[in-house]
C-alpha atoms as a PDB file:
ATOM      1  CA  MET A   1      83.320  15.032  73.261  1.00  0.00           C
ATOM      2  CA  THR A   2      83.687  16.738  76.568  1.00  0.00           C
ATOM      3  CA  THR A   3      84.048  20.539  76.540  1.00  0.00           C
ATOM      4  CA  ALA A   4      86.030  22.354  79.365  1.00  0.00           C
ATOM      5  CA  SER A   5      85.455  25.967  79.820  1.00  0.00           C
ATOM      6  CA  ALA A   6      87.403  28.435  81.951  1.00  0.00           C
ATOM      7  CA  PRO A   7      86.777  31.941  82.983  1.00  0.00           C
ATOM      8  CA  GLY A   8      88.109  34.499  80.495  1.00  0.00           C
ATOM      9  CA  GLY A   9      88.100  32.023  77.583  1.00  0.00           C
ATOM     10  CA  SER A  10      87.000  28.671  76.251  1.00  0.00           C
ATOM     11  CA  ALA A  11      89.125  25.649  75.414  1.00  0.00           C
ATOM     12  CA  PHE A  12      87.670  22.634  73.290  1.00  0.00           C
ATOM     13  CA  ILE A  13      89.443  19.553  73.936  1.00  0.00           C
ATOM     14  CA  PRO A  14      88.489  16.529  71.695  1.00  0.00           C
ATOM     15  CA  GLY A  15      88.532  13.201  73.246  1.00  0.00           C
ATOM     16  CA  ALA A  16      86.995  11.046  75.804  1.00  0.00           C
ATOM     17  CA  SER A  17      88.879  12.531  78.652  1.00  0.00           C
ATOM     18  CA  THR A  18      87.360  14.694  81.399  1.00  0.00           C
ATOM     19  CA  GLY A  19      88.494  18.339  81.329  1.00  0.00           C
ATOM     20  CA  VAL A  20      89.428  20.100  84.626  1.00  0.00           C
ATOM     21  CA  SER A  21      89.548  23.951  84.474  1.00  0.00           C
ATOM     22  CA  THR A  22      92.037  25.670  86.696  1.00  0.00           C
ATOM     23  CA  GLY A  23      93.514  29.313  86.730  1.00  0.00           C
ATOM     24  CA  THR A  24      91.907  32.787  86.497  1.00  0.00           C
ATOM     25  CA  GLY A  25      91.326  34.142  82.995  1.00  0.00           C
ATOM     26  CA  VAL A  26      93.343  31.375  81.251  1.00  0.00           C
ATOM     27  CA  GLY A  27      91.949  27.894  80.698  1.00  0.00           C
ATOM     28  CA  VAL A  28      94.274  24.967  81.345  1.00  0.00           C
ATOM     29  CA  GLY A  29      93.225  21.469  80.148  1.00  0.00           C
ATOM     30  CA  VAL A  30      94.384  18.471  82.001  1.00  0.00           C
ATOM     31  CA  GLY A  31      93.449  15.035  80.530  1.00  0.00           C
ATOM     32  CA  ALA A  32      92.773  12.251  82.724  1.00  0.00           C
ATOM     33  CA  GLY A  33      92.929   9.702  80.027  1.00  0.00           C
ATOM     34  CA  ALA A  34      94.078   9.074  76.452  1.00  0.00           C
ATOM     35  CA  GLY A  35      91.805   8.712  73.527  1.00  0.00           C
ATOM     36  CA  THR A  36      90.664  10.109  70.265  1.00  0.00           C
ATOM     37  CA  GLY A  37      87.162  11.370  69.755  1.00  0.00           C
ATOM     38  CA  THR A  38      85.149  12.869  67.075  1.00  0.00           C
ATOM     39  CA  GLY A  39      82.627  15.492  67.362  1.00  0.00           C
ATOM     40  CA  ALA A  40      81.373  18.829  66.149  1.00  0.00           C
ATOM     41  CA  GLY A  41      83.443  20.923  68.272  1.00  0.00           C
ATOM     42  CA  THR A  42      86.260  23.112  66.899  1.00  0.00           C
ATOM     43  CA  ALA A  43      89.649  22.998  68.698  1.00  0.00           C
ATOM     44  CA  VAL A  44      91.571  26.088  69.582  1.00  0.00           C
ATOM     45  CA  PRO A  45      94.703  26.163  67.528  1.00  0.00           C
ATOM     46  CA  VAL A  46      96.802  27.401  70.461  1.00  0.00           C
ATOM     47  CA  PRO A  47      97.066  24.734  73.306  1.00  0.00           C
ATOM     48  CA  ALA A  48      95.779  26.068  76.713  1.00  0.00           C
ATOM     49  CA  ALA A  49      99.023  24.958  78.460  1.00  0.00           C
ATOM     50  CA  THR A  50     101.013  27.044  76.094  1.00  0.00           C
ATOM     51  CA  SER A  51      98.825  30.168  76.805  1.00  0.00           C
ATOM     52  CA  ALA A  52      98.954  29.596  80.591  1.00  0.00           C
ATOM     53  CA  ALA A  53     102.719  29.411  80.484  1.00  0.00           C
ATOM     54  CA  ALA A  54     103.184  32.528  78.289  1.00  0.00           C
ATOM     55  CA  ALA A  55     100.803  34.718  80.511  1.00  0.00           C
ATOM     56  CA  PRO A  56     103.076  34.690  83.642  1.00  0.00           C
ATOM     57  CA  VAL A  57     106.194  35.528  81.465  1.00  0.00           C
ATOM     58  CA  ALA A  58     104.438  38.468  79.835  1.00  0.00           C
ATOM     59  CA  SER A  59     103.155  39.611  83.305  1.00  0.00           C
ATOM     60  CA  SER A  60     106.548  39.276  84.671  1.00  0.00           C
ATOM     61  CA  GLY A  61     108.027  41.364  81.948  1.00  0.00           C
ATOM     62  CA  ALA A  62     105.564  44.131  82.333  1.00  0.00           C
ATOM     63  CA  ASP A  63     106.119  44.254  86.149  1.00  0.00           C
ATOM     64  CA  ALA A  64     109.810  44.498  85.570  1.00  0.00           C
ATOM     65  CA  ASP A  65     109.381  47.303  83.236  1.00  0.00           C
ATOM     66  CA  ALA A  66     107.056  49.138  85.529  1.00  0.00           C
ATOM     67  CA  ALA A  67     109.518  48.652  88.470  1.00  0.00           C
ATOM     68  CA  THR A  68     112.382  49.988  86.420  1.00  0.00           C
ATOM     69  CA  ALA A  69     110.319  53.015  85.290  1.00  0.00           C
ATOM     70  CA  ALA A  70     109.357  53.692  88.935  1.00  0.00           C
ATOM     71  CA  ARG A  71     112.870  53.506  89.958  1.00  0.00           C
ATOM     72  CA  ARG A  72     113.987  56.030  87.295  1.00  0.00           C
ATOM     73  CA  THR A  73     111.051  58.347  88.212  1.00  0.00           C
ATOM     74  CA  GLY A  74     112.010  58.186  91.756  1.00  0.00           C
ATOM     75  CA  THR A  75     115.622  58.923  91.046  1.00  0.00           C
ATOM     76  CA  ARG A  76     114.676  61.944  89.047  1.00  0.00           C
ATOM     77  CA  ALA A  77     112.306  63.043  91.812  1.00  0.00           C
ATOM     78  CA  ARG A  78     115.050  62.772  94.298  1.00  0.00           C
ATOM     79  CA  ARG A  79     117.600  64.733  92.055  1.00  0.00           C
ATOM     80  CA  ARG A  80     115.125  67.617  91.215  1.00  0.00           C
ATOM     81  CA  PRO A  81     115.136  69.348  94.552  1.00  0.00           C
ATOM     82  CA  GLY A  82     118.941  69.613  94.609  1.00  0.00           C
ATOM     83  CA  LEU A  83     118.835  71.413  91.089  1.00  0.00           C
ATOM     84  CA  ALA A  84     115.889  73.537  92.374  1.00  0.00           C
ATOM     85  CA  TRP A  85     118.097  74.642  95.422  1.00  0.00           C
ATOM     86  CA  LEU A  86     120.937  75.641  93.056  1.00  0.00           C
ATOM     87  CA  GLY A  87     118.506  78.111  91.426  1.00  0.00           C
ATOM     88  CA  LEU A  88     117.915  79.804  94.696  1.00  0.00           C
ATOM     89  CA  THR A  89     121.509  80.524  95.250  1.00  0.00           C
ATOM     90  CA  PRO A  90     121.706  84.094  93.930  1.00  0.00           C
ATOM     91  CA  PHE A  91     118.762  85.031  95.982  1.00  0.00           C
ATOM     92  CA  ALA A  92     120.112  83.491  99.063  1.00  0.00           C
ATOM     93  CA  ALA A  93     123.370  85.333  98.546  1.00  0.00           C
ATOM     94  CA  TYR A  94     121.543  88.497  98.202  1.00  0.00           C
ATOM     95  CA  VAL A  95     119.532  87.946 101.418  1.00  0.00           C
ATOM     96  CA  LEU A  96     122.713  86.975 103.166  1.00  0.00           C
ATOM     97  CA  LEU A  97     124.865  89.874 102.054  1.00  0.00           C
ATOM     98  CA  PHE A  98     122.348  92.780 101.972  1.00  0.00           C
ATOM     99  CA  LEU A  99     119.840  91.771 104.669  1.00  0.00           C
ATOM    100  CA  ALA A 100     121.105  89.289 107.228  1.00  0.00           C
ATOM    101  CA  VAL A 101     124.642  90.500 107.785  1.00  0.00           C
ATOM    102  CA  PRO A 102     123.652  94.221 107.950  1.00  0.00           C
ATOM    103  CA  ALA A 103     120.905  93.190 110.416  1.00  0.00           C
ATOM    104  CA  VAL A 104     123.236  91.267 112.529  1.00  0.00           C
ATOM    105  CA  ILE A 105     125.837  94.010 112.614  1.00  0.00           C
ATOM    106  CA  ALA A 106     123.255  96.809 113.328  1.00  0.00           C
ATOM    107  CA  VAL A 107     121.788  94.799 116.218  1.00  0.00           C
ATOM    108  CA  GLY A 108     125.058  93.614 117.550  1.00  0.00           C
ATOM    109  CA  SER A 109     126.465  97.192 117.693  1.00  0.00           C
ATOM    110  CA  GLY A 110     123.942  97.923 120.497  1.00  0.00           C
ATOM    111  CA  PHE A 111     125.659  95.429 122.756  1.00  0.00           C
ATOM    112  CA  SER A 112     129.178  96.913 122.434  1.00  0.00           C
ATOM    113  CA  THR A 113     130.959  99.894 123.890  1.00  0.00           C
ATOM    114  CA  GLY A 114     132.903 102.571 121.905  1.00  0.00           C
ATOM    115  CA  ASP A 115     136.102 100.323 122.057  1.00  0.00           C
ATOM    116  CA  GLY A 116     134.225  97.172 121.065  1.00  0.00           C
ATOM    117  CA  ARG A 117     133.783  95.595 124.378  1.00  0.00           C
ATOM    118  CA  PHE A 118     130.428  93.624 125.178  1.00  0.00           C
ATOM    119  CA  THR A 119     127.971  95.392 127.329  1.00  0.00           C
ATOM    120  CA  LEU A 120     124.325  95.402 128.327  1.00  0.00           C
ATOM    121  CA  ALA A 121     124.248  98.834 129.695  1.00  0.00           C
ATOM    122  CA  ASN A 122     123.158 100.260 126.358  1.00  0.00           C
ATOM    123  CA  LEU A 123     119.792  98.655 126.763  1.00  0.00           C
ATOM    124  CA  ALA A 124     118.965 101.276 129.330  1.00  0.00           C
ATOM    125  CA  ALA A 125     118.277 103.539 126.349  1.00  0.00           C
ATOM    126  CA  LEU A 126     114.999 101.875 125.857  1.00  0.00           C
ATOM    127  CA  ARG A 127     113.691 103.435 129.154  1.00  0.00           C
ATOM    128  CA  ASP A 128     114.712 106.934 127.856  1.00  0.00           C
ATOM    129  CA  PRO A 129     111.588 109.322 127.375  1.00  0.00           C
ATOM    130  CA  SER A 130     112.593 110.332 123.903  1.00  0.00           C
ATOM    131  CA  VAL A 131     112.999 106.683 122.788  1.00  0.00           C
ATOM    132  CA  LEU A 132     109.619 105.811 124.415  1.00  0.00           C
ATOM    133  CA  ARG A 133     108.049 108.658 122.482  1.00  0.00           C
ATOM    134  CA  ALA A 134     109.550 107.540 119.316  1.00  0.00           C
ATOM    135  CA  PHE A 135     108.197 104.026 119.772  1.00  0.00           C
ATOM    136  CA  ALA A 136     104.751 105.405 120.721  1.00  0.00           C
ATOM    137  CA  GLY A 137     104.728 107.667 117.596  1.00  0.00           C
ATOM    138  CA  SER A 138     105.679 104.714 115.408  1.00  0.00           C
ATOM    139  CA  PHE A 139     103.095 102.392 117.034  1.00  0.00           C
ATOM    140  CA  GLY A 140     100.329 105.071 116.655  1.00  0.00           C
ATOM    141  CA  LEU A 141     101.307 106.006 113.054  1.00  0.00           C
ATOM    142  CA  SER A 142     101.476 102.357 111.931  1.00  0.00           C
ATOM    143  CA  ALA A 143      98.227 101.399 113.656  1.00  0.00           C
ATOM    144  CA  VAL A 144      96.082 104.273 112.327  1.00  0.00           C
ATOM    145  CA  SER A 145      97.385 104.055 108.792  1.00  0.00           C
ATOM    146  CA  ALA A 146      97.039 100.196 108.701  1.00  0.00           C
ATOM    147  CA  VAL A 147      93.473 100.293 110.029  1.00  0.00           C
ATOM    148  CA  ILE A 148      92.483 102.941 107.513  1.00  0.00           C
ATOM    149  CA  GLY A 149      94.274 101.181 104.597  1.00  0.00           C
ATOM    150  CA  ALA A 150      92.836  97.794 105.597  1.00  0.00           C
ATOM    151  CA  VAL A 151      89.198  98.953 105.816  1.00  0.00           C
ATOM    152  CA  VAL A 152      89.390 101.080 102.634  1.00  0.00           C
ATOM    153  CA  GLY A 153      91.274  98.366 100.860  1.00  0.00           C
ATOM    154  CA  ALA A 154      88.747  95.632 101.851  1.00  0.00           C
ATOM    155  CA  LEU A 155      85.940  97.793 100.586  1.00  0.00           C
ATOM    156  CA  VAL A 156      87.779  98.195  97.212  1.00  0.00           C
ATOM    157  CA  CYS A 157      88.357  94.373  97.084  1.00  0.00           C
ATOM    158  CA  TRP A 158      84.629  93.753  97.659  1.00  0.00           C
ATOM    159  CA  ALA A 159      83.689  96.113  94.876  1.00  0.00           C
ATOM    160  CA  LEU A 160      86.260  94.459  92.547  1.00  0.00           C
ATOM    161  CA  ALA A 161      84.868  91.025  93.257  1.00  0.00           C
ATOM    162  CA  ALA A 162      81.674  91.988  91.239  1.00  0.00           C
ATOM    163  CA  LEU A 163      83.832  92.612  88.110  1.00  0.00           C
ATOM    164  CA  ARG A 164      85.129  90.215  85.643  1.00  0.00           C
ATOM    165  CA  PRO A 165      88.596  89.012  86.583  1.00  0.00           C
ATOM    166  CA  ASP A 166      89.738  89.391  82.959  1.00  0.00           C
ATOM    167  CA  GLY A 167      87.794  92.711  82.341  1.00  0.00           C
ATOM    168  CA  LEU A 168      89.408  96.008  81.530  1.00  0.00           C
ATOM    169  CA  VAL A 169      88.528  97.866  84.687  1.00  0.00           C
ATOM    170  CA  ARG A 170      89.726  95.081  86.868  1.00  0.00           C
ATOM    171  CA  SER A 171      93.025  94.668  85.112  1.00  0.00           C
ATOM    172  CA  MET A 172      93.575  98.389  85.254  1.00  0.00           C
ATOM    173  CA  ILE A 173      92.912  98.588  88.976  1.00  0.00           C
ATOM    174  CA  ASP A 174      95.201  95.443  89.645  1.00  0.00           C
ATOM    175  CA  SER A 175      97.990  97.082  87.692  1.00  0.00           C
ATOM    176  CA  ALA A 176      97.600 100.381  89.452  1.00  0.00           C
ATOM    177  CA  ALA A 177      97.613  98.776  92.855  1.00  0.00           C
ATOM    178  CA  SER A 178     100.802  96.881  91.961  1.00  0.00           C
ATOM    179  CA  VAL A 179     102.446 100.232  91.154  1.00  0.00           C
ATOM    180  CA  LEU A 180     101.123 102.476  93.747  1.00  0.00           C
ATOM    181  CA  ALA A 181     101.904  99.964  96.514  1.00  0.00           C
ATOM    182  CA  GLN A 182     105.670 100.584  95.721  1.00  0.00           C
ATOM    183  CA  PHE A 183     105.347 104.297  95.184  1.00  0.00           C
ATOM    184  CA  GLY A 184     106.990 106.089  98.161  1.00  0.00           C
ATOM    185  CA  GLY A 185     110.030 107.800  99.230  1.00  0.00           C
ATOM    186  CA  VAL A 186     111.015 111.317  97.949  1.00  0.00           C
ATOM    187  CA  MET A 187     108.571 111.220  94.912  1.00  0.00           C
ATOM    188  CA  LEU A 188     105.576 110.621  97.170  1.00  0.00           C
ATOM    189  CA  ALA A 189     106.650 113.185  99.603  1.00  0.00           C
ATOM    190  CA  PHE A 190     107.124 115.842  96.961  1.00  0.00           C
ATOM    191  CA  ALA A 191     103.777 114.883  95.329  1.00  0.00           C
ATOM    192  CA  PHE A 192     101.971 115.534  98.687  1.00  0.00           C
ATOM    193  CA  ILE A 193     103.918 118.848  99.202  1.00  0.00           C
ATOM    194  CA  ALA A 194     102.747 120.057  95.946  1.00  0.00           C
ATOM    195  CA  THR A 195      99.113 118.934  96.789  1.00  0.00           C
ATOM    196  CA  ILE A 196      98.547 119.656 100.419  1.00  0.00           C
ATOM    197  CA  GLY A 197     101.687 121.424 101.536  1.00  0.00           C
ATOM    198  CA  ALA A 198     101.883 124.965 102.896  1.00  0.00           C
ATOM    199  CA  GLN A 199     101.349 126.376  99.398  1.00  0.00           C
ATOM    200  CA  GLY A 200      99.870 123.205  97.734  1.00  0.00           C
ATOM    201  CA  LEU A 201      97.183 123.234  95.090  1.00  0.00           C
ATOM    202  CA  VAL A 202      94.461 121.741  97.231  1.00  0.00           C
ATOM    203  CA  THR A 203      95.506 123.914 100.241  1.00  0.00           C
ATOM    204  CA  THR A 204      95.219 127.132  98.342  1.00  0.00           C
ATOM    205  CA  TRP A 205      91.895 126.066  96.641  1.00  0.00           C
ATOM    206  CA  LEU A 206      90.313 125.114 100.079  1.00  0.00           C
ATOM    207  CA  VAL A 207      91.365 128.524 101.474  1.00  0.00           C
ATOM    208  CA  SER A 208      90.024 130.377  98.481  1.00  0.00           C
ATOM    209  CA  ALA A 209      86.814 128.456  97.976  1.00  0.00           C
ATOM    210  CA  PHE A 210      85.698 127.472 101.583  1.00  0.00           C
ATOM    211  CA  GLY A 211      88.114 129.419 103.881  1.00  0.00           C
ATOM    212  CA  LEU A 212      89.315 126.145 105.310  1.00  0.00           C
ATOM    213  CA  ASP A 213      92.992 126.174 106.072  1.00  0.00           C
ATOM    214  CA  LEU A 214      94.561 122.784 106.663  1.00  0.00           C
ATOM    215  CA  ASN A 215      97.660 124.344 108.112  1.00  0.00           C
ATOM    216  CA  ALA A 216      96.145 126.708 110.500  1.00  0.00           C
ATOM    217  CA  ASN A 217      97.940 125.108 113.394  1.00  0.00           C
ATOM    218  CA  GLY A 218     101.105 124.527 111.645  1.00  0.00           C
ATOM    219  CA  THR A 219     102.009 122.660 108.536  1.00  0.00           C
ATOM    220  CA  LEU A 220     100.166 119.325 108.879  1.00  0.00           C
ATOM    221  CA  LEU A 221     102.251 117.326 106.441  1.00  0.00           C
ATOM    222  CA  TYR A 222     105.395 117.911 108.399  1.00  0.00           C
ATOM    223  CA  THR A 223     104.120 116.257 111.615  1.00  0.00           C
ATOM    224  CA  VAL A 224     103.879 112.688 112.691  1.00  0.00           C
ATOM    225  CA  PRO A 225      99.976 112.831 112.459  1.00  0.00           C
ATOM    226  CA  GLY A 226     100.215 114.242 109.138  1.00  0.00           C
ATOM    227  CA  LEU A 227     102.291 111.364 107.881  1.00  0.00           C
ATOM    228  CA  VAL A 228      99.131 109.259 108.064  1.00  0.00           C
ATOM    229  CA  ILE A 229      97.995 110.821 104.834  1.00  0.00           C
ATOM    230  CA  PRO A 230     100.873 109.771 102.638  1.00  0.00           C
ATOM    231  CA  TYR A 231     101.136 106.399 104.442  1.00  0.00           C
ATOM    232  CA  VAL A 232      97.458 105.526 103.591  1.00  0.00           C
ATOM    233  CA  TYR A 233      98.333 106.388  99.982  1.00  0.00           C
ATOM    234  CA  PHE A 234     100.431 103.304  99.640  1.00  0.00           C
ATOM    235  CA  GLN A 235      98.600 101.199 102.317  1.00  0.00           C
ATOM    236  CA  VAL A 236      95.427 100.913 100.353  1.00  0.00           C
ATOM    237  CA  PRO A 237      96.873  99.266  97.198  1.00  0.00           C
ATOM    238  CA  LEU A 238      98.960  97.011  99.358  1.00  0.00           C
ATOM    239  CA  MET A 239      95.806  95.907 101.147  1.00  0.00           C
ATOM    240  CA  VAL A 240      94.082  95.134  97.567  1.00  0.00           C
ATOM    241  CA  LEU A 241      97.115  93.041  96.579  1.00  0.00           C
ATOM    242  CA  THR A 242      97.117  90.959  99.730  1.00  0.00           C
ATOM    243  CA  PHE A 243      93.452  90.646 100.534  1.00  0.00           C
ATOM    244  CA  MET A 244      91.940  90.136  97.115  1.00  0.00           C
ATOM    245  CA  PRO A 245      93.110  86.474  96.735  1.00  0.00           C
ATOM    246  CA  ALA A 246      91.382  85.606 100.012  1.00  0.00           C
ATOM    247  CA  LEU A 247      88.183  87.254  98.817  1.00  0.00           C
ATOM    248  CA  GLU A 248      88.260  85.460  95.562  1.00  0.00           C
ATOM    249  CA  GLY A 249      88.646  82.171  97.582  1.00  0.00           C
ATOM    250  CA  VAL A 250      85.162  82.495  98.919  1.00  0.00           C
ATOM    251  CA  LYS A 251      83.257  80.025  96.821  1.00  0.00           C
ATOM    252  CA  PRO A 252      79.732  80.926  95.732  1.00  0.00           C
ATOM    253  CA  GLN A 253      78.704  77.265  96.422  1.00  0.00           C
ATOM    254  CA  TRP A 254      78.911  78.116 100.146  1.00  0.00           C
ATOM    255  CA  GLY A 255      76.366  80.914  99.799  1.00  0.00           C
ATOM    256  CA  GLU A 256      74.100  78.746  97.599  1.00  0.00           C
ATOM    257  CA  ALA A 257      74.192  76.059 100.142  1.00  0.00           C
ATOM    258  CA  ALA A 258      73.297  78.349 102.931  1.00  0.00           C
ATOM    259  CA  ALA A 259      70.525  79.786 100.807  1.00  0.00           C
ATOM    260  CA  THR A 260      69.072  76.285 100.355  1.00  0.00           C
ATOM    261  CA  LEU A 261      68.910  75.970 104.108  1.00  0.00           C
ATOM    262  CA  GLY A 262      66.937  79.264 104.386  1.00  0.00           C
ATOM    263  CA  ALA A 263      69.722  81.652 105.213  1.00  0.00           C
ATOM    264  CA  SER A 264      69.651  85.155 103.949  1.00  0.00           C
ATOM    265  CA  ARG A 265      72.432  86.828 102.092  1.00  0.00           C
ATOM    266  CA  ALA A 266      73.406  88.854 105.192  1.00  0.00           C
ATOM    267  CA  THR A 267      73.414  85.690 107.335  1.00  0.00           C
ATOM    268  CA  SER A 268      75.614  83.686 104.960  1.00  0.00           C
ATOM    269  CA  TRP A 269      78.172  86.578 105.079  1.00  0.00           C
ATOM    270  CA  ARG A 270      78.016  86.815 108.705  1.00  0.00           C
ATOM    271  CA  ARG A 271      78.105  83.077 109.401  1.00  0.00           C
ATOM    272  CA  ILE A 272      80.284  81.857 106.537  1.00  0.00           C
ATOM    273  CA  ALA A 273      82.143  84.423 104.658  1.00  0.00           C
ATOM    274  CA  LEU A 274      83.433  86.644 107.354  1.00  0.00           C
ATOM    275  CA  PRO A 275      84.736  83.968 109.595  1.00  0.00           C
ATOM    276  CA  VAL A 276      86.522  82.491 106.622  1.00  0.00           C
ATOM    277  CA  LEU A 277      87.982  85.932 105.661  1.00  0.00           C
ATOM    278  CA  ALA A 278      88.765  86.960 109.264  1.00  0.00           C
ATOM    279  CA  PRO A 279      92.237  85.303 109.281  1.00  0.00           C
ATOM    280  CA  ALA A 280      93.236  86.846 105.943  1.00  0.00           C
ATOM    281  CA  PHE A 281      91.892  90.330 106.964  1.00  0.00           C
ATOM    282  CA  TRP A 282      93.905  90.377 110.310  1.00  0.00           C
ATOM    283  CA  GLY A 283      96.911  88.941 108.570  1.00  0.00           C
ATOM    284  CA  SER A 284      96.759  91.723 105.925  1.00  0.00           C
ATOM    285  CA  LEU A 285      96.256  94.271 108.681  1.00  0.00           C
ATOM    286  CA  LEU A 286      99.397  93.046 110.341  1.00  0.00           C
ATOM    287  CA  LEU A 287     101.347  93.177 107.122  1.00  0.00           C
ATOM    288  CA  LEU A 288     100.254  96.835 106.790  1.00  0.00           C
ATOM    289  CA  PHE A 289     101.287  97.630 110.270  1.00  0.00           C
ATOM    290  CA  ALA A 290     104.860  96.178 109.589  1.00  0.00           C
ATOM    291  CA  ASN A 291     104.988  98.072 106.251  1.00  0.00           C
ATOM    292  CA  ALA A 292     104.348 101.473 108.092  1.00  0.00           C
ATOM    293  CA  PHE A 293     106.496 100.600 110.974  1.00  0.00           C
ATOM    294  CA  SER A 294     109.585 100.028 108.905  1.00  0.00           C
ATOM    295  CA  SER A 295     108.933 102.850 106.403  1.00  0.00           C
ATOM    296  CA  PHE A 296     111.674 105.594 106.434  1.00  0.00           C
ATOM    297  CA  ALA A 297     112.093 107.521 103.105  1.00  0.00           C
ATOM    298  CA  THR A 298     108.740 109.257 102.890  1.00  0.00           C
ATOM    299  CA  ALA A 299     108.981 110.228 106.595  1.00  0.00           C
ATOM    300  CA  ALA A 300     112.555 111.305 106.233  1.00  0.00           C
ATOM    301  CA  ALA A 301     111.689 113.638 103.288  1.00  0.00           C
ATOM    302  CA  LEU A 302     108.907 115.369 105.334  1.00  0.00           C
ATOM    303  CA  ILE A 303     110.334 115.403 108.947  1.00  0.00           C
ATOM    304  CA  SER A 304     113.667 116.665 109.737  1.00  0.00           C
ATOM    305  CA  GLN A 305     113.594 115.597 113.380  1.00  0.00           C
ATOM    306  CA  GLY A 306     112.565 112.452 115.275  1.00  0.00           C
ATOM    307  CA  GLY A 307     109.058 111.389 116.244  1.00  0.00           C
ATOM    308  CA  ILE A 308     109.188 107.795 114.945  1.00  0.00           C
ATOM    309  CA  VAL A 309     111.839 105.042 115.468  1.00  0.00           C
ATOM    310  CA  PRO A 310     113.456 105.138 112.100  1.00  0.00           C
ATOM    311  CA  LEU A 311     114.020 108.868 112.256  1.00  0.00           C
ATOM    312  CA  THR A 312     115.306 108.572 115.825  1.00  0.00           C
ATOM    313  CA  ILE A 313     117.853 106.021 114.543  1.00  0.00           C
ATOM    314  CA  ARG A 314     119.034 108.387 111.898  1.00  0.00           C
ATOM    315  CA  ALA A 315     119.534 111.047 114.581  1.00  0.00           C
ATOM    316  CA  GLN A 316     121.410 108.765 116.843  1.00  0.00           C
ATOM    317  CA  LEU A 317     123.719 107.756 113.911  1.00  0.00           C
ATOM    318  CA  THR A 318     124.538 111.450 113.243  1.00  0.00           C
ATOM    319  CA  SER A 319     124.843 112.594 116.776  1.00  0.00           C
ATOM    320  CA  GLU A 320     124.602 110.754 120.198  1.00  0.00           C
ATOM    321  CA  THR A 321     121.874 112.664 122.073  1.00  0.00           C
ATOM    322  CA  ILE A 322     121.480 110.328 125.115  1.00  0.00           C
ATOM    323  CA  ILE A 323     124.205 111.108 127.508  1.00  0.00           C
ATOM    324  CA  GLY A 324     126.120 108.251 129.097  1.00  0.00           C
ATOM    325  CA  LEU A 325     125.159 105.591 126.576  1.00  0.00           C
ATOM    326  CA  GLN A 326     126.780 104.586 123.288  1.00  0.00           C
ATOM    327  CA  ASN A 327     125.491 102.931 120.135  1.00  0.00           C
ATOM    328  CA  VAL A 328     121.885 103.715 120.977  1.00  0.00           C
ATOM    329  CA  ALA A 329     121.111 103.309 117.235  1.00  0.00           C
ATOM    330  CA  GLY A 330     121.798  99.633 117.607  1.00  0.00           C
ATOM    331  CA  VAL A 331     119.558  99.320 120.639  1.00  0.00           C
ATOM    332  CA  LEU A 332     116.693 101.024 118.764  1.00  0.00           C
ATOM    333  CA  ALA A 333     117.411  98.600 115.825  1.00  0.00           C
ATOM    334  CA  LEU A 334     117.090  95.686 118.214  1.00  0.00           C
ATOM    335  CA  GLY A 335     113.728  97.071 119.446  1.00  0.00           C
ATOM    336  CA  MET A 336     112.480  97.299 115.893  1.00  0.00           C
ATOM    337  CA  VAL A 337     113.667  93.775 114.970  1.00  0.00           C
ATOM    338  CA  VAL A 338     111.781  92.328 118.046  1.00  0.00           C
ATOM    339  CA  VAL A 339     108.677  94.270 117.092  1.00  0.00           C
ATOM    340  CA  MET A 340     108.846  93.049 113.435  1.00  0.00           C
ATOM    341  CA  ALA A 341     109.572  89.560 114.441  1.00  0.00           C
ATOM    342  CA  VAL A 342     106.594  89.382 116.663  1.00  0.00           C
ATOM    343  CA  VAL A 343     104.328  90.985 113.984  1.00  0.00           C
ATOM    344  CA  MET A 344     105.482  88.818 111.202  1.00  0.00           C
ATOM    345  CA  GLY A 345     105.223  85.628 113.338  1.00  0.00           C
ATOM    346  CA  ALA A 346     101.561  86.492 113.979  1.00  0.00           C
ATOM    347  CA  TYR A 347     101.026  87.257 110.253  1.00  0.00           C
ATOM    348  CA  SER A 348     102.540  83.764 109.282  1.00  0.00           C
ATOM    349  CA  LEU A 349     100.185  82.025 111.675  1.00  0.00           C
ATOM    350  CA  LEU A 350      97.199  83.838 110.274  1.00  0.00           C
ATOM    351  CA  GLN A 351      98.171  83.210 106.682  1.00  0.00           C
ATOM    352  CA  ARG A 352      98.668  79.572 107.491  1.00  0.00           C
ATOM    353  CA  ARG A 353      95.105  79.293 108.821  1.00  0.00           C
ATOM    354  CA  ALA A 354      93.665  81.418 105.942  1.00  0.00           C
ATOM    355  CA  ALA A 355      95.329  79.222 103.411  1.00  0.00           C
ATOM    356  CA  ARG A 356      93.221  76.403 104.253  1.00  0.00           C
ATOM    357  CA  TRP A 357      90.237  78.009 102.524  1.00  0.00           C
ATOM    358  CA  GLN A 358      92.200  79.123  99.466  1.00  0.00           C
ATOM    359  CA  ARG A 359      93.210  75.670  98.265  1.00  0.00           C
END
């Protein structure tokens, strides 16, 4: 008896024929002659030829099912974005009606005369000394409050990084930051009037206890430099919200790898952590600048006259104070839009660079 074996299985073919093995994983017996032999071997009850013929059929059926499933999955994947976009329709309508359209109308008004004719003469208002002072005041107030808020907020984030993310203290500080970052307007102005105003609690206490008068040269809170104090109040929690995810993205394995190479903790922070965190820090600083540059309600509750661009726009809407020019408020709005576009463009670039280390 001759035994023919094949990879993936064995086929015992009784007889005097010579077995030839072909195929992968399935044995196929091909007889070269006819005869009947006896031996001690045990024949496989299923002929090899039958198994070989059934295997391609089963494989073809499985491939067809897989292809059908892939086509159905692809169809669902192509349909899902369309349904997702439908969910954004209310938000898109809100942005269009309450943000885009008013912004276009406000900016477009700066290019028209009183009777609606197009003109570029109104752009001369950007050279007016009062307008330049307003922009300088807004830039100074935004820059100072943003720098103070960014530095203090980064230190708070560094302290929070040592706490458990799910701990009670960390949860309370995160919640407080979320609330205080949105706390502004008349409520915040009244809180500071009652605290450090002309007759505020802290003001009277400093005078009686130390003879220190915060308002010796005039009421500090009602000036543009005095606005730095309430602005920092909501800038610090905003920095905590924006910078904390970047600080959490610094992996401890980086410091451990630097330590194995002989670097000290200070060196690892200077050479690894700080370069990684720099784009996120500068991006958060720009976000704080934009937040202060566009703030209006708190300043309007404390200062009745101009000094910053939003208050100057209010003054121009109520009474035209630049002789010979019309729709100056629209020109100032155009200047603010340009500044905000540049700042937010730079912020987007920095955030894209910082996102590489947060994945």
